[in-house]
N, C-alpha and C. Protein backbone atom coordinates (compact mmCIF):
# COMPACT_ATOMS: atom_id res chain seq x y z
N MET A 1 115.42 87.05 116.14
CA MET A 1 115.06 86.45 117.40
C MET A 1 113.78 85.66 117.22
N GLU A 2 113.76 84.46 117.70
CA GLU A 2 112.63 83.57 117.54
C GLU A 2 111.53 83.92 118.54
N GLN A 3 110.27 83.98 118.04
CA GLN A 3 109.15 84.25 118.93
C GLN A 3 108.75 82.98 119.66
N THR A 4 108.49 83.12 120.93
CA THR A 4 107.97 81.99 121.70
C THR A 4 106.78 82.46 122.51
N LEU A 5 105.87 81.55 122.76
CA LEU A 5 104.70 81.86 123.58
C LEU A 5 104.86 81.32 124.98
N VAL A 6 105.89 80.58 125.20
CA VAL A 6 106.16 80.04 126.53
C VAL A 6 107.64 80.29 126.84
N ALA A 7 107.91 80.51 128.08
CA ALA A 7 109.29 80.80 128.46
C ALA A 7 110.17 79.58 128.33
N ASP A 8 111.44 79.81 127.95
CA ASP A 8 112.42 78.73 127.94
C ASP A 8 112.71 78.33 129.38
N ALA A 9 113.27 77.16 129.57
CA ALA A 9 113.56 76.66 130.92
C ALA A 9 114.46 77.61 131.68
N LYS A 10 115.38 78.28 130.98
CA LYS A 10 116.30 79.17 131.67
C LYS A 10 115.66 80.53 131.99
N ASP A 11 114.53 80.86 131.34
CA ASP A 11 113.86 82.13 131.56
C ASP A 11 112.84 82.03 132.69
N ALA A 12 112.50 83.16 133.24
CA ALA A 12 111.45 83.19 134.25
C ALA A 12 110.12 82.88 133.58
N PRO A 13 109.24 82.15 134.23
CA PRO A 13 107.95 81.80 133.62
C PRO A 13 107.14 83.00 133.17
N ARG A 14 107.36 84.13 133.77
CA ARG A 14 106.58 85.32 133.42
C ARG A 14 106.80 85.78 131.99
N GLU A 15 107.99 85.58 131.44
CA GLU A 15 108.27 86.06 130.09
C GLU A 15 107.32 85.44 129.08
N GLY A 16 107.09 84.15 129.16
CA GLY A 16 106.17 83.49 128.25
C GLY A 16 104.75 83.97 128.45
N ASP A 17 104.38 84.20 129.70
CA ASP A 17 103.04 84.71 129.96
C ASP A 17 102.88 86.12 129.41
N LEU A 18 103.92 86.93 129.51
CA LEU A 18 103.86 88.28 128.95
C LEU A 18 103.74 88.25 127.44
N THR A 19 104.43 87.34 126.79
CA THR A 19 104.32 87.19 125.35
C THR A 19 102.91 86.77 124.96
N PHE A 20 102.35 85.82 125.69
CA PHE A 20 100.97 85.40 125.41
C PHE A 20 100.01 86.54 125.69
N ASP A 21 100.25 87.29 126.75
CA ASP A 21 99.40 88.42 127.09
C ASP A 21 99.40 89.44 125.94
N ARG A 22 100.57 89.71 125.34
CA ARG A 22 100.64 90.63 124.20
C ARG A 22 99.84 90.08 123.01
N LEU A 23 99.95 88.79 122.76
CA LEU A 23 99.18 88.17 121.68
C LEU A 23 97.68 88.32 121.96
N TYR A 24 97.29 88.07 123.17
CA TYR A 24 95.87 88.20 123.55
C TYR A 24 95.39 89.63 123.33
N ARG A 25 96.11 90.59 123.86
CA ARG A 25 95.69 91.99 123.77
C ARG A 25 95.66 92.49 122.32
N SER A 26 96.56 92.04 121.50
CA SER A 26 96.61 92.51 120.12
C SER A 26 95.61 91.79 119.21
N SER A 27 95.08 90.66 119.66
CA SER A 27 94.23 89.84 118.78
C SER A 27 92.80 89.65 119.26
N ARG A 28 92.50 89.96 120.50
CA ARG A 28 91.19 89.59 121.06
C ARG A 28 90.03 90.17 120.29
N ASP A 29 90.09 91.43 119.90
CA ASP A 29 88.97 92.04 119.18
C ASP A 29 88.80 91.42 117.79
N ASP A 30 89.92 91.16 117.12
CA ASP A 30 89.85 90.55 115.79
C ASP A 30 89.35 89.11 115.86
N VAL A 31 89.79 88.37 116.86
CA VAL A 31 89.31 86.99 117.03
C VAL A 31 87.81 87.01 117.28
N TYR A 32 87.37 87.91 118.16
CA TYR A 32 85.93 88.00 118.43
C TYR A 32 85.16 88.34 117.16
N ALA A 33 85.63 89.32 116.38
CA ALA A 33 84.93 89.72 115.15
C ALA A 33 84.84 88.55 114.18
N TYR A 34 85.92 87.80 114.06
CA TYR A 34 85.93 86.65 113.16
C TYR A 34 84.95 85.58 113.64
N VAL A 35 85.00 85.25 114.93
CA VAL A 35 84.12 84.22 115.48
C VAL A 35 82.67 84.67 115.41
N ALA A 36 82.41 85.94 115.71
CA ALA A 36 81.04 86.46 115.62
C ALA A 36 80.53 86.38 114.19
N GLY A 37 81.42 86.59 113.24
CA GLY A 37 81.02 86.47 111.84
C GLY A 37 80.64 85.05 111.47
N LEU A 38 81.34 84.09 112.03
CA LEU A 38 81.01 82.69 111.75
C LEU A 38 79.74 82.25 112.45
N LEU A 39 79.57 82.67 113.70
CA LEU A 39 78.46 82.17 114.51
C LEU A 39 77.18 82.99 114.40
N ARG A 40 77.33 84.28 114.09
CA ARG A 40 76.18 85.19 114.01
C ARG A 40 75.41 85.24 115.32
N ASP A 41 76.12 85.17 116.42
CA ASP A 41 75.52 85.16 117.74
C ASP A 41 76.54 85.76 118.71
N ALA A 42 76.26 86.96 119.21
CA ALA A 42 77.23 87.68 120.03
C ALA A 42 77.58 86.93 121.31
N THR A 43 76.58 86.37 121.96
CA THR A 43 76.84 85.66 123.22
C THR A 43 77.69 84.42 122.98
N ALA A 44 77.34 83.65 121.98
CA ALA A 44 78.12 82.46 121.65
C ALA A 44 79.53 82.85 121.21
N ALA A 45 79.65 83.96 120.49
CA ALA A 45 80.97 84.42 120.03
C ALA A 45 81.86 84.77 121.22
N GLU A 46 81.30 85.38 122.24
CA GLU A 46 82.08 85.68 123.45
C GLU A 46 82.58 84.40 124.11
N GLU A 47 81.69 83.42 124.22
CA GLU A 47 82.06 82.14 124.85
C GLU A 47 83.11 81.39 124.02
N VAL A 48 82.93 81.36 122.73
CA VAL A 48 83.87 80.65 121.85
C VAL A 48 85.22 81.37 121.82
N THR A 49 85.19 82.70 121.82
CA THR A 49 86.45 83.46 121.84
C THR A 49 87.21 83.14 123.13
N ALA A 50 86.50 83.13 124.25
CA ALA A 50 87.14 82.80 125.52
C ALA A 50 87.70 81.37 125.48
N ALA A 51 86.91 80.45 124.94
CA ALA A 51 87.37 79.05 124.85
C ALA A 51 88.59 78.94 123.95
N ALA A 52 88.61 79.70 122.86
CA ALA A 52 89.76 79.66 121.94
C ALA A 52 91.03 80.15 122.64
N PHE A 53 90.92 81.22 123.40
CA PHE A 53 92.09 81.72 124.12
C PHE A 53 92.51 80.76 125.23
N GLU A 54 91.56 80.11 125.85
CA GLU A 54 91.92 79.11 126.87
C GLU A 54 92.67 77.95 126.23
N ARG A 55 92.18 77.49 125.08
CA ARG A 55 92.87 76.41 124.37
C ARG A 55 94.28 76.84 123.97
N ALA A 56 94.38 78.06 123.45
CA ALA A 56 95.69 78.56 123.01
C ALA A 56 96.64 78.67 124.20
N TYR A 57 96.14 79.11 125.32
CA TYR A 57 97.00 79.23 126.49
C TYR A 57 97.49 77.86 126.94
N ARG A 58 96.59 76.89 126.96
CA ARG A 58 96.98 75.54 127.36
C ARG A 58 97.98 74.93 126.37
N LYS A 59 97.87 75.28 125.10
CA LYS A 59 98.72 74.69 124.06
C LYS A 59 99.89 75.59 123.68
N ARG A 60 100.11 76.65 124.41
CA ARG A 60 101.14 77.62 124.03
C ARG A 60 102.53 77.02 123.92
N ASN A 61 102.80 75.95 124.68
CA ASN A 61 104.13 75.33 124.60
C ASN A 61 104.29 74.49 123.32
N ARG A 62 103.21 74.26 122.61
CA ARG A 62 103.27 73.50 121.34
C ARG A 62 103.48 74.41 120.14
N PHE A 63 103.38 75.72 120.35
CA PHE A 63 103.56 76.64 119.23
C PHE A 63 104.98 76.53 118.70
N ASP A 64 105.08 76.41 117.38
CA ASP A 64 106.37 76.31 116.72
C ASP A 64 106.52 77.49 115.76
N PRO A 65 107.36 78.47 116.09
CA PRO A 65 107.48 79.66 115.24
C PRO A 65 107.98 79.37 113.83
N ARG A 66 108.58 78.20 113.61
CA ARG A 66 109.03 77.85 112.26
C ARG A 66 107.85 77.54 111.35
N ARG A 67 106.68 77.26 111.94
CA ARG A 67 105.51 76.90 111.14
C ARG A 67 104.61 78.08 110.83
N GLY A 68 104.91 79.25 111.40
CA GLY A 68 104.08 80.42 111.10
C GLY A 68 104.04 81.40 112.26
N GLU A 69 103.25 82.41 112.07
CA GLU A 69 103.11 83.48 113.04
C GLU A 69 102.15 83.09 114.17
N PRO A 70 102.38 83.62 115.36
CA PRO A 70 101.49 83.33 116.49
C PRO A 70 100.04 83.72 116.20
N ARG A 71 99.84 84.82 115.51
CA ARG A 71 98.46 85.28 115.22
C ARG A 71 97.72 84.28 114.34
N ALA A 72 98.37 83.75 113.33
CA ALA A 72 97.73 82.76 112.47
C ALA A 72 97.45 81.48 113.24
N TRP A 73 98.38 81.07 114.09
CA TRP A 73 98.18 79.90 114.95
C TRP A 73 96.94 80.11 115.81
N LEU A 74 96.80 81.30 116.37
CA LEU A 74 95.66 81.62 117.22
C LEU A 74 94.36 81.59 116.43
N PHE A 75 94.36 82.14 115.22
CA PHE A 75 93.14 82.12 114.41
C PHE A 75 92.76 80.70 114.00
N GLY A 76 93.73 79.82 113.82
CA GLY A 76 93.42 78.42 113.55
C GLY A 76 92.71 77.78 114.73
N ILE A 77 93.15 78.09 115.93
CA ILE A 77 92.50 77.57 117.13
C ILE A 77 91.09 78.15 117.25
N ALA A 78 90.95 79.46 116.98
CA ALA A 78 89.64 80.11 117.05
C ALA A 78 88.68 79.52 116.01
N ARG A 79 89.20 79.26 114.83
CA ARG A 79 88.37 78.66 113.77
C ARG A 79 87.87 77.29 114.21
N ASN A 80 88.77 76.48 114.75
CA ASN A 80 88.36 75.14 115.22
C ASN A 80 87.34 75.23 116.34
N ALA A 81 87.51 76.18 117.25
CA ALA A 81 86.56 76.34 118.35
C ALA A 81 85.19 76.76 117.81
N ALA A 82 85.17 77.66 116.83
CA ALA A 82 83.90 78.08 116.23
C ALA A 82 83.24 76.93 115.47
N LEU A 83 84.03 76.18 114.73
CA LEU A 83 83.47 75.03 114.01
C LEU A 83 82.95 73.97 114.97
N ASP A 84 83.63 73.78 116.10
CA ASP A 84 83.12 72.86 117.14
C ASP A 84 81.76 73.31 117.62
N GLU A 85 81.61 74.62 117.84
CA GLU A 85 80.32 75.16 118.29
C GLU A 85 79.25 74.97 117.23
N LEU A 86 79.60 75.19 115.97
CA LEU A 86 78.63 75.01 114.89
C LEU A 86 78.23 73.54 114.77
N ARG A 87 79.18 72.65 114.91
CA ARG A 87 78.84 71.22 114.87
C ARG A 87 77.93 70.86 116.03
N ARG A 88 78.23 71.45 117.18
CA ARG A 88 77.40 71.20 118.36
C ARG A 88 75.97 71.67 118.09
N ARG A 89 75.84 72.74 117.42
CA ARG A 89 74.51 73.27 117.09
C ARG A 89 73.85 72.52 115.94
N GLY A 90 74.67 71.84 115.16
CA GLY A 90 74.13 71.09 114.03
C GLY A 90 73.74 71.96 112.85
N ARG A 91 74.42 73.08 112.70
CA ARG A 91 74.13 73.92 111.53
C ARG A 91 75.42 74.40 110.91
N GLN A 92 75.32 74.95 109.68
CA GLN A 92 76.50 75.44 108.98
C GLN A 92 76.70 76.92 109.25
N ALA A 93 77.95 77.33 109.10
CA ALA A 93 78.30 78.73 109.34
C ALA A 93 77.78 79.63 108.24
N GLU A 94 77.30 80.78 108.65
CA GLU A 94 77.00 81.86 107.72
C GLU A 94 77.69 83.08 108.28
N LEU A 95 78.47 83.73 107.46
CA LEU A 95 79.19 84.91 107.92
C LEU A 95 78.26 86.11 107.95
N THR A 96 78.45 86.93 108.92
CA THR A 96 77.68 88.16 109.00
C THR A 96 78.09 89.06 107.84
N ALA A 97 77.14 89.71 107.28
CA ALA A 97 77.43 90.57 106.15
C ALA A 97 77.72 92.00 106.60
N GLU A 98 77.36 92.34 107.83
CA GLU A 98 77.52 93.71 108.27
C GLU A 98 78.31 93.78 109.56
N PRO A 99 79.62 94.03 109.47
CA PRO A 99 80.39 94.24 110.68
C PRO A 99 79.98 95.56 111.33
N ALA A 100 80.35 95.73 112.59
CA ALA A 100 80.00 96.95 113.31
C ALA A 100 80.53 98.17 112.55
N ASP A 101 79.70 99.20 112.47
CA ASP A 101 80.06 100.41 111.74
C ASP A 101 80.40 101.53 112.70
N PRO A 102 81.69 101.87 112.81
CA PRO A 102 82.08 102.92 113.74
C PRO A 102 81.80 104.33 113.22
N ASP A 103 81.49 104.47 111.94
CA ASP A 103 81.29 105.79 111.35
C ASP A 103 79.86 106.26 111.59
N ASN A 104 79.71 107.53 111.79
CA ASN A 104 78.39 108.14 111.92
C ASN A 104 78.20 109.06 110.73
N PHE A 105 77.19 108.78 109.94
CA PHE A 105 76.91 109.59 108.77
C PHE A 105 75.58 110.29 108.99
N GLY A 106 75.38 111.35 108.25
CA GLY A 106 74.11 112.04 108.34
C GLY A 106 73.58 112.35 106.96
N GLY A 107 72.27 112.51 106.85
CA GLY A 107 71.62 112.94 105.62
C GLY A 107 71.85 112.04 104.43
N ALA A 108 72.16 112.66 103.29
CA ALA A 108 72.35 111.94 102.03
C ALA A 108 73.51 110.96 102.11
N GLU A 109 74.55 111.35 102.85
CA GLU A 109 75.72 110.47 103.00
C GLU A 109 75.31 109.17 103.71
N ALA A 110 74.44 109.28 104.71
CA ALA A 110 73.97 108.11 105.44
C ALA A 110 73.17 107.20 104.52
N ALA A 111 72.33 107.78 103.69
CA ALA A 111 71.51 106.98 102.77
C ALA A 111 72.38 106.25 101.76
N GLU A 112 73.38 106.96 101.23
CA GLU A 112 74.29 106.32 100.27
C GLU A 112 75.09 105.20 100.93
N HIS A 113 75.57 105.47 102.13
CA HIS A 113 76.33 104.45 102.87
C HIS A 113 75.45 103.23 103.15
N SER A 114 74.21 103.47 103.53
CA SER A 114 73.28 102.38 103.81
C SER A 114 73.01 101.55 102.55
N GLU A 115 72.86 102.21 101.42
CA GLU A 115 72.64 101.50 100.16
C GLU A 115 73.83 100.62 99.80
N ARG A 116 75.06 101.16 100.00
CA ARG A 116 76.25 100.38 99.71
C ARG A 116 76.34 99.16 100.63
N ARG A 117 76.03 99.36 101.89
CA ARG A 117 76.07 98.24 102.85
C ARG A 117 75.07 97.16 102.46
N LEU A 118 73.87 97.57 102.04
CA LEU A 118 72.86 96.60 101.61
C LEU A 118 73.32 95.83 100.38
N ALA A 119 73.97 96.53 99.45
CA ALA A 119 74.48 95.87 98.24
C ALA A 119 75.56 94.86 98.60
N VAL A 120 76.49 95.25 99.48
CA VAL A 120 77.55 94.32 99.90
C VAL A 120 76.95 93.15 100.67
N SER A 121 75.98 93.43 101.52
CA SER A 121 75.32 92.36 102.30
C SER A 121 74.67 91.34 101.36
N ALA A 122 73.93 91.83 100.39
CA ALA A 122 73.29 90.93 99.43
C ALA A 122 74.32 90.16 98.63
N ALA A 123 75.40 90.82 98.23
CA ALA A 123 76.45 90.17 97.45
C ALA A 123 77.15 89.10 98.27
N LEU A 124 77.42 89.38 99.54
CA LEU A 124 78.07 88.37 100.40
C LEU A 124 77.20 87.13 100.56
N LYS A 125 75.91 87.32 100.63
CA LYS A 125 74.99 86.18 100.80
C LYS A 125 75.03 85.25 99.59
N ARG A 126 75.39 85.79 98.42
CA ARG A 126 75.44 84.97 97.20
C ARG A 126 76.73 84.16 97.09
N LEU A 127 77.72 84.48 97.90
CA LEU A 127 78.99 83.76 97.85
C LEU A 127 78.88 82.44 98.60
N HIS A 128 79.73 81.51 98.22
CA HIS A 128 79.86 80.23 98.93
C HIS A 128 80.40 80.51 100.33
N PRO A 129 79.97 79.75 101.34
CA PRO A 129 80.48 79.99 102.71
C PRO A 129 82.00 80.02 102.82
N ARG A 130 82.70 79.21 102.04
CA ARG A 130 84.16 79.21 102.08
C ARG A 130 84.73 80.54 101.57
N GLU A 131 84.05 81.11 100.53
CA GLU A 131 84.48 82.40 100.02
C GLU A 131 84.22 83.51 101.04
N ARG A 132 83.07 83.44 101.72
CA ARG A 132 82.77 84.42 102.76
C ARG A 132 83.78 84.32 103.90
N GLU A 133 84.21 83.09 104.21
CA GLU A 133 85.20 82.91 105.27
C GLU A 133 86.53 83.55 104.89
N LEU A 134 86.95 83.38 103.65
CA LEU A 134 88.19 84.01 103.17
C LEU A 134 88.11 85.53 103.32
N ILE A 135 87.00 86.10 102.93
CA ILE A 135 86.82 87.55 103.03
C ILE A 135 86.81 87.98 104.49
N ALA A 136 86.18 87.19 105.36
CA ALA A 136 86.16 87.52 106.79
C ALA A 136 87.56 87.47 107.39
N LEU A 137 88.34 86.47 107.03
CA LEU A 137 89.70 86.37 107.55
C LEU A 137 90.55 87.55 107.08
N LYS A 138 90.35 87.98 105.85
CA LYS A 138 91.15 89.08 105.29
C LYS A 138 90.71 90.43 105.85
N PHE A 139 89.40 90.69 105.85
CA PHE A 139 88.93 92.04 106.15
C PHE A 139 88.35 92.21 107.55
N PHE A 140 87.74 91.18 108.12
CA PHE A 140 87.25 91.31 109.50
C PHE A 140 88.39 91.03 110.48
N ALA A 141 89.18 90.00 110.20
CA ALA A 141 90.27 89.63 111.10
C ALA A 141 91.58 90.32 110.75
N GLY A 142 91.70 90.84 109.55
CA GLY A 142 92.89 91.58 109.15
C GLY A 142 94.13 90.72 108.95
N LEU A 143 93.94 89.46 108.55
CA LEU A 143 95.09 88.57 108.36
C LEU A 143 95.71 88.74 106.98
N ALA A 144 97.01 88.53 106.92
CA ALA A 144 97.73 88.51 105.65
C ALA A 144 97.46 87.18 104.95
N ASN A 145 97.72 87.12 103.66
CA ASN A 145 97.46 85.89 102.90
C ASN A 145 98.22 84.69 103.47
N ALA A 146 99.45 84.90 103.93
CA ALA A 146 100.22 83.79 104.51
C ALA A 146 99.54 83.26 105.76
N ASP A 147 98.98 84.16 106.56
CA ASP A 147 98.28 83.74 107.77
C ASP A 147 96.97 83.04 107.44
N ILE A 148 96.26 83.55 106.45
CA ILE A 148 95.02 82.90 106.01
C ILE A 148 95.33 81.49 105.53
N ALA A 149 96.41 81.35 104.78
CA ALA A 149 96.82 80.04 104.29
C ALA A 149 97.08 79.09 105.45
N GLN A 150 97.75 79.58 106.47
CA GLN A 150 98.04 78.74 107.63
C GLN A 150 96.75 78.33 108.35
N VAL A 151 95.83 79.28 108.53
CA VAL A 151 94.57 78.99 109.21
C VAL A 151 93.77 77.93 108.47
N LEU A 152 93.74 78.04 107.13
CA LEU A 152 92.90 77.14 106.32
C LEU A 152 93.63 75.91 105.80
N GLY A 153 94.93 75.83 106.05
CA GLY A 153 95.68 74.67 105.59
C GLY A 153 95.91 74.67 104.09
N LEU A 154 96.13 75.85 103.53
CA LEU A 154 96.38 75.99 102.09
C LEU A 154 97.78 76.54 101.88
N SER A 155 98.24 76.50 100.65
CA SER A 155 99.48 77.20 100.33
C SER A 155 99.15 78.69 100.26
N GLU A 156 100.17 79.52 100.41
CA GLU A 156 99.93 80.96 100.36
C GLU A 156 99.41 81.39 99.00
N SER A 157 99.97 80.82 97.95
CA SER A 157 99.51 81.20 96.60
C SER A 157 98.07 80.74 96.36
N ASN A 158 97.71 79.56 96.87
CA ASN A 158 96.34 79.07 96.73
C ASN A 158 95.37 79.96 97.50
N ALA A 159 95.76 80.36 98.72
CA ALA A 159 94.90 81.25 99.52
C ALA A 159 94.71 82.58 98.79
N GLY A 160 95.80 83.12 98.23
CA GLY A 160 95.71 84.38 97.50
C GLY A 160 94.83 84.27 96.26
N THR A 161 94.95 83.16 95.56
CA THR A 161 94.13 82.94 94.37
C THR A 161 92.66 82.83 94.74
N LYS A 162 92.36 82.04 95.76
CA LYS A 162 90.97 81.87 96.19
C LYS A 162 90.37 83.19 96.69
N LEU A 163 91.19 83.96 97.42
CA LEU A 163 90.72 85.26 97.92
C LEU A 163 90.45 86.20 96.75
N HIS A 164 91.35 86.22 95.77
CA HIS A 164 91.16 87.08 94.59
C HIS A 164 89.86 86.70 93.86
N ARG A 165 89.62 85.42 93.68
CA ARG A 165 88.39 84.97 93.01
C ARG A 165 87.15 85.37 93.81
N ALA A 166 87.22 85.21 95.13
CA ALA A 166 86.09 85.58 95.99
C ALA A 166 85.82 87.08 95.90
N MET A 167 86.88 87.89 95.90
CA MET A 167 86.71 89.35 95.80
C MET A 167 86.15 89.74 94.42
N THR A 168 86.58 89.04 93.39
CA THR A 168 86.06 89.32 92.05
C THR A 168 84.56 89.01 92.01
N LYS A 169 84.16 87.86 92.56
CA LYS A 169 82.73 87.52 92.62
C LYS A 169 81.95 88.55 93.42
N LEU A 170 82.53 89.00 94.54
CA LEU A 170 81.87 89.99 95.38
C LEU A 170 81.70 91.30 94.62
N ARG A 171 82.74 91.76 93.94
CA ARG A 171 82.65 92.99 93.15
C ARG A 171 81.59 92.87 92.06
N GLU A 172 81.61 91.74 91.35
CA GLU A 172 80.63 91.54 90.28
C GLU A 172 79.20 91.52 90.83
N ALA A 173 79.02 90.88 91.98
CA ALA A 173 77.69 90.84 92.60
C ALA A 173 77.25 92.23 93.05
N CYS A 174 78.20 93.00 93.57
CA CYS A 174 77.89 94.39 93.98
C CYS A 174 77.55 95.25 92.76
N ASP A 175 78.31 95.10 91.68
CA ASP A 175 78.05 95.87 90.47
C ASP A 175 76.69 95.51 89.89
N GLY A 176 76.32 94.24 89.98
CA GLY A 176 75.02 93.80 89.47
C GLY A 176 73.86 94.28 90.30
N ALA A 177 74.11 94.67 91.54
CA ALA A 177 73.04 95.12 92.43
C ALA A 177 72.72 96.59 92.22
N GLU A 178 73.57 97.32 91.49
CA GLU A 178 73.34 98.76 91.30
C GLU A 178 72.30 99.05 90.26
């Protein structure tokens, strides 16, 4: 069955809205995390996330399921909205190195966890912004390689290769920090 974000002419208009609503509910936190990583500003990330969903809603009838998954289409819109904001600001994107940590550690475990986070943070800063973006799409946004490829306009194999290289650089930088 083909996914659509807008109802067919023969369907009630609500069906398309319900499909978009499911996409929104399943993706809003990940879109926000990705945009916040690009902008490094929580308030701006909220505004850009809202703008991205507004754009997606207005363009939902242009979605073509033969070209990819709705989630990847949405992340492409979110990426463009974030880049528009960065251009408006006149600065380049830097990804946040420390996503929100839901775990609570105590004592020695907390110190070890903090040291690892600092090492990863320092290692991420040494990567090229494009490499940090690949890592953010994979691990902050939780996208599959095919979806990352669609967002960035690459082939799936090229996206996988670039992600593998970025992860290798990140591991090497982390190992060098120990």
